[in-house]
Amino acid sequence: MLEELKEANSYISSKIDKYRSRSLLIKEIEEDAEINNVPIISKEIREYLKFIINIHNENVRSWGCVGIV
């Protein structure tokens, strides 16, 4: 199981690095957090949460159309 998670994390990381464009503000916040030892979620977790939210939103939209004829 742990090995599967490593593979999934590696895959997600490669996609994040390839398609994600970060704004200057985000970079500044991350640098400041690192300098001041302020914990923030990793980019992998952030992108995973965004993915889950997007999937949830798509499901909600499709549920809303079920009763419409």
N, C-alpha and C. Protein backbone atom coordinates (compact mmCIF):
# COMPACT_ATOMS: atom_id res chain seq x y z
N MET A 1 0.83 -1.20 0.00
CA MET A 1 0.00 0.00 0.00
C MET A 1 0.87 1.26 0.00
N LEU A 2 1.89 1.28 0.84
CA LEU A 2 2.76 2.44 0.92
C LEU A 2 3.47 2.69 -0.41
N GLU A 3 3.88 1.63 -1.07
CA GLU A 3 4.54 1.78 -2.36
C GLU A 3 3.60 2.38 -3.40
N GLU A 4 2.33 2.00 -3.36
CA GLU A 4 1.34 2.57 -4.28
C GLU A 4 1.17 4.06 -4.03
N LEU A 5 1.19 4.46 -2.77
CA LEU A 5 1.07 5.88 -2.45
C LEU A 5 2.27 6.67 -2.95
N LYS A 6 3.44 6.09 -2.88
CA LYS A 6 4.63 6.76 -3.39
C LYS A 6 4.51 6.99 -4.89
N GLU A 7 4.03 5.97 -5.60
CA GLU A 7 3.86 6.11 -7.05
C GLU A 7 2.81 7.17 -7.37
N ALA A 8 1.71 7.16 -6.64
CA ALA A 8 0.65 8.14 -6.86
C ALA A 8 1.16 9.55 -6.56
N ASN A 9 1.90 9.70 -5.48
CA ASN A 9 2.44 11.01 -5.12
C ASN A 9 3.42 11.51 -6.18
N SER A 10 4.23 10.62 -6.69
CA SER A 10 5.17 10.98 -7.73
C SER A 10 4.44 11.44 -9.00
N TYR A 11 3.39 10.71 -9.35
CA TYR A 11 2.60 11.06 -10.54
C TYR A 11 1.94 12.42 -10.35
N ILE A 12 1.32 12.63 -9.19
CA ILE A 12 0.65 13.90 -8.92
C ILE A 12 1.65 15.04 -8.95
N SER A 13 2.81 14.84 -8.36
CA SER A 13 3.85 15.87 -8.35
C SER A 13 4.28 16.25 -9.76
N SER A 14 4.44 15.26 -10.61
CA SER A 14 4.86 15.55 -11.98
C SER A 14 3.81 16.35 -12.73
N LYS A 15 2.54 16.04 -12.49
CA LYS A 15 1.47 16.79 -13.14
C LYS A 15 1.37 18.22 -12.61
N ILE A 16 1.53 18.35 -11.30
CA ILE A 16 1.47 19.68 -10.69
C ILE A 16 2.57 20.57 -11.26
N ASP A 17 3.79 20.04 -11.29
CA ASP A 17 4.91 20.83 -11.77
C ASP A 17 4.75 21.19 -13.24
N LYS A 18 4.13 20.31 -14.00
CA LYS A 18 3.99 20.53 -15.43
C LYS A 18 2.92 21.57 -15.76
N TYR A 19 1.79 21.51 -15.09
CA TYR A 19 0.64 22.33 -15.49
C TYR A 19 0.33 23.51 -14.58
N ARG A 20 0.94 23.57 -13.42
CA ARG A 20 0.59 24.61 -12.46
C ARG A 20 1.40 25.87 -12.70
N SER A 21 0.74 26.98 -12.76
CA SER A 21 1.47 28.25 -12.82
C SER A 21 1.19 29.00 -11.52
N ARG A 22 2.24 29.35 -10.85
CA ARG A 22 2.09 30.02 -9.55
C ARG A 22 2.25 31.52 -9.71
N SER A 23 1.44 32.24 -9.02
CA SER A 23 1.53 33.69 -9.07
C SER A 23 2.68 34.18 -8.18
N LEU A 24 3.08 35.39 -8.40
CA LEU A 24 4.15 35.99 -7.61
C LEU A 24 3.75 36.07 -6.15
N LEU A 25 2.48 36.38 -5.88
CA LEU A 25 2.01 36.47 -4.49
C LEU A 25 2.16 35.13 -3.77
N ILE A 26 1.79 34.04 -4.42
CA ILE A 26 1.92 32.71 -3.81
C ILE A 26 3.39 32.41 -3.52
N LYS A 27 4.27 32.73 -4.45
CA LYS A 27 5.70 32.51 -4.23
C LYS A 27 6.19 33.28 -3.03
N GLU A 28 5.77 34.53 -2.89
CA GLU A 28 6.19 35.36 -1.77
C GLU A 28 5.69 34.79 -0.44
N ILE A 29 4.44 34.34 -0.44
CA ILE A 29 3.87 33.76 0.78
C ILE A 29 4.62 32.50 1.17
N GLU A 30 4.91 31.64 0.20
CA GLU A 30 5.63 30.40 0.49
C GLU A 30 7.03 30.69 1.01
N GLU A 31 7.73 31.66 0.39
CA GLU A 31 9.08 32.02 0.84
C GLU A 31 9.04 32.57 2.27
N ASP A 32 8.07 33.44 2.54
CA ASP A 32 7.94 34.01 3.88
C ASP A 32 7.64 32.92 4.91
N ALA A 33 6.77 32.00 4.56
CA ALA A 33 6.42 30.91 5.47
C ALA A 33 7.65 30.04 5.76
N GLU A 34 8.45 29.78 4.74
CA GLU A 34 9.65 28.96 4.94
C GLU A 34 10.66 29.68 5.83
N ILE A 35 10.87 30.95 5.58
CA ILE A 35 11.81 31.73 6.38
C ILE A 35 11.39 31.78 7.85
N ASN A 36 10.09 31.93 8.09
CA ASN A 36 9.56 32.08 9.45
C ASN A 36 9.08 30.77 10.06
N ASN A 37 9.40 29.66 9.41
CA ASN A 37 9.01 28.33 9.90
C ASN A 37 7.51 28.20 10.16
N VAL A 38 6.73 28.73 9.25
CA VAL A 38 5.27 28.63 9.33
C VAL A 38 4.84 27.45 8.46
N PRO A 39 4.21 26.45 9.07
CA PRO A 39 3.81 25.29 8.27
C PRO A 39 2.66 25.63 7.32
N ILE A 40 2.81 25.18 6.10
CA ILE A 40 1.74 25.28 5.11
C ILE A 40 1.60 23.91 4.46
N ILE A 41 0.47 23.66 3.82
CA ILE A 41 0.30 22.36 3.19
C ILE A 41 1.22 22.28 1.97
N SER A 42 1.60 21.07 1.64
CA SER A 42 2.46 20.88 0.49
C SER A 42 1.68 21.11 -0.79
N LYS A 43 2.40 21.34 -1.87
CA LYS A 43 1.73 21.57 -3.15
C LYS A 43 0.94 20.34 -3.58
N GLU A 44 1.43 19.15 -3.22
CA GLU A 44 0.72 17.93 -3.57
C GLU A 44 -0.65 17.86 -2.88
N ILE A 45 -0.66 18.19 -1.59
CA ILE A 45 -1.91 18.17 -0.82
C ILE A 45 -2.85 19.25 -1.33
N ARG A 46 -2.31 20.43 -1.61
CA ARG A 46 -3.14 21.52 -2.13
C ARG A 46 -3.82 21.12 -3.43
N GLU A 47 -3.05 20.55 -4.35
CA GLU A 47 -3.62 20.15 -5.64
C GLU A 47 -4.60 18.99 -5.49
N TYR A 48 -4.31 18.09 -4.55
CA TYR A 48 -5.25 16.98 -4.29
C TYR A 48 -6.58 17.52 -3.77
N LEU A 49 -6.52 18.47 -2.84
CA LEU A 49 -7.75 19.05 -2.31
C LEU A 49 -8.53 19.80 -3.39
N LYS A 50 -7.82 20.51 -4.26
CA LYS A 50 -8.49 21.18 -5.37
C LYS A 50 -9.17 20.16 -6.28
N PHE A 51 -8.49 19.05 -6.52
CA PHE A 51 -9.05 17.98 -7.35
C PHE A 51 -10.33 17.43 -6.71
N ILE A 52 -10.29 17.14 -5.42
CA ILE A 52 -11.46 16.62 -4.72
C ILE A 52 -12.62 17.62 -4.78
N ILE A 53 -12.32 18.89 -4.59
CA ILE A 53 -13.37 19.92 -4.64
C ILE A 53 -13.97 19.98 -6.04
N ASN A 54 -13.14 19.93 -7.07
CA ASN A 54 -13.65 19.96 -8.44
C ASN A 54 -14.53 18.76 -8.75
N ILE A 55 -14.12 17.58 -8.31
CA ILE A 55 -14.93 16.38 -8.52
C ILE A 55 -16.26 16.53 -7.79
N HIS A 56 -16.21 17.02 -6.56
CA HIS A 56 -17.43 17.22 -5.78
C HIS A 56 -18.36 18.20 -6.49
N ASN A 57 -17.81 19.30 -6.99
CA ASN A 57 -18.62 20.30 -7.69
C ASN A 57 -19.26 19.73 -8.95
N GLU A 58 -18.53 18.91 -9.69
CA GLU A 58 -19.08 18.28 -10.89
C GLU A 58 -20.22 17.34 -10.51
N ASN A 59 -20.05 16.59 -9.42
CA ASN A 59 -21.10 15.68 -8.98
C ASN A 59 -22.34 16.45 -8.55
N VAL A 60 -22.16 17.55 -7.85
CA VAL A 60 -23.29 18.35 -7.40
C VAL A 60 -24.04 18.90 -8.61
N ARG A 61 -23.32 19.39 -9.62
CA ARG A 61 -23.98 19.91 -10.82
C ARG A 61 -24.76 18.82 -11.53
N SER A 62 -24.19 17.61 -11.61
CA SER A 62 -24.90 16.54 -12.30
C SER A 62 -26.10 16.07 -11.50
N TRP A 63 -26.01 16.11 -10.16
CA TRP A 63 -27.17 15.74 -9.34
C TRP A 63 -28.31 16.73 -9.52
N GLY A 64 -27.95 17.99 -9.71
CA GLY A 64 -28.97 19.03 -9.88
C GLY A 64 -29.75 18.86 -11.17
N CYS A 65 -29.20 18.16 -12.14
CA CYS A 65 -29.86 17.98 -13.43
C CYS A 65 -30.69 16.70 -13.49
N VAL A 66 -30.62 15.87 -12.48
CA VAL A 66 -31.29 14.57 -12.50
C VAL A 66 -32.79 14.73 -12.67
N GLY A 67 -33.41 15.66 -11.95
CA GLY A 67 -34.86 15.79 -11.98
C GLY A 67 -35.37 16.65 -13.12
N ILE A 68 -34.49 17.26 -13.88
CA ILE A 68 -34.90 18.18 -14.95
C ILE A 68 -35.15 17.39 -16.22
N VAL A 69 -36.31 17.59 -16.83
CA VAL A 69 -36.65 16.90 -18.08
C VAL A 69 -36.89 17.92 -19.15
